[in-house]
Amino acid sequence: SKIPIPQKFVGKTILDLDIRRKFGLNIIAIEHDGEISTDVLPDHVFKDDNAIFVIGSYDKIRQLEESFN
């Protein structure tokens, strides 16, 4: 699933957010300026226009999206 990055993620790294441990999801790609990169590094700092592509169960993806609020 492609998920736009919420404002509260901007300026934080993948390591800071620890999405794998908290939600059981794996980030498989990051979109920035319309380009998709599969070179996902833990020190990637999220920017306003980023979106992440995650893989995992539907319920876990919904939990992640609900955490944005």
Protein backbone atom coordinates (compact mmCIF):
# COMPACT_ATOMS: atom_id res chain seq x y z
CA SER A 1 0.00 0.00 0.00
CA LYS A 2 1.11 3.54 -0.74
CA ILE A 3 0.73 5.82 2.25
CA PRO A 4 1.41 9.58 2.18
CA ILE A 5 3.62 10.74 5.04
CA PRO A 6 1.73 12.74 7.67
CA GLN A 7 3.18 16.08 8.80
CA LYS A 8 4.18 14.62 12.18
CA PHE A 9 6.63 12.23 10.40
CA VAL A 10 8.44 15.06 8.57
CA GLY A 11 12.00 15.48 9.87
CA LYS A 12 12.06 12.01 11.46
CA THR A 13 13.96 8.98 10.24
CA ILE A 14 12.71 5.48 9.51
CA LEU A 15 14.67 4.37 12.57
CA ASP A 16 12.95 7.04 14.72
CA LEU A 17 9.50 5.85 13.68
CA ASP A 18 10.26 2.12 14.08
CA ILE A 19 7.26 1.15 11.94
CA ARG A 20 8.35 -2.47 11.67
CA ARG A 21 8.36 -3.04 15.43
CA LYS A 22 5.32 -0.89 16.24
CA PHE A 23 3.04 -2.02 13.42
CA GLY A 24 4.55 -5.17 11.93
CA LEU A 25 4.94 -3.47 8.54
CA ASN A 26 7.93 -3.29 6.24
CA ILE A 27 8.70 -0.20 4.18
CA ILE A 28 9.65 -1.48 0.74
CA ALA A 29 9.96 1.85 -1.12
CA ILE A 30 9.83 5.62 -0.67
CA GLU A 31 8.39 8.09 -3.14
CA HIS A 32 9.95 11.58 -3.37
CA ASP A 33 9.28 14.16 -6.10
CA GLY A 34 7.45 11.52 -8.14
CA GLU A 35 10.43 9.15 -8.07
CA ILE A 36 10.21 5.80 -6.30
CA SER A 37 13.30 4.42 -4.56
CA THR A 38 13.64 0.92 -3.18
CA ASP A 39 16.89 1.88 -1.46
CA VAL A 40 15.25 2.20 1.96
CA LEU A 41 17.79 3.10 4.63
CA PRO A 42 17.09 3.51 8.36
CA ASP A 43 18.58 7.03 8.35
CA HIS A 44 16.23 8.34 5.61
CA VAL A 45 14.72 11.62 6.85
CA PHE A 46 11.12 12.08 5.74
CA LYS A 47 10.11 15.22 3.84
CA ASP A 48 6.71 16.81 3.15
CA ASP A 49 6.18 15.19 -0.22
CA ASN A 50 7.24 11.66 0.72
CA ALA A 51 5.02 8.61 0.57
CA ILE A 52 5.94 5.14 1.74
CA PHE A 53 5.07 1.80 0.24
CA VAL A 54 4.50 -0.78 2.95
CA ILE A 55 3.81 -4.48 2.98
CA GLY A 56 1.88 -6.19 5.73
CA SER A 57 -1.62 -7.11 6.81
CA TYR A 58 -4.56 -4.86 6.04
CA ASP A 59 -5.30 -4.46 9.77
CA LYS A 60 -1.75 -3.32 10.50
CA ILE A 61 -1.83 -0.83 7.64
CA ARG A 62 -5.08 0.62 9.02
CA GLN A 63 -3.51 0.87 12.49
CA LEU A 64 -0.61 2.84 11.03
CA GLU A 65 -2.97 5.19 9.17
CA GLU A 66 -5.09 5.68 12.29
CA SER A 67 -1.97 6.61 14.27
CA PHE A 68 -1.59 9.67 12.02
CA ASN A 69 -4.53 11.37 13.73
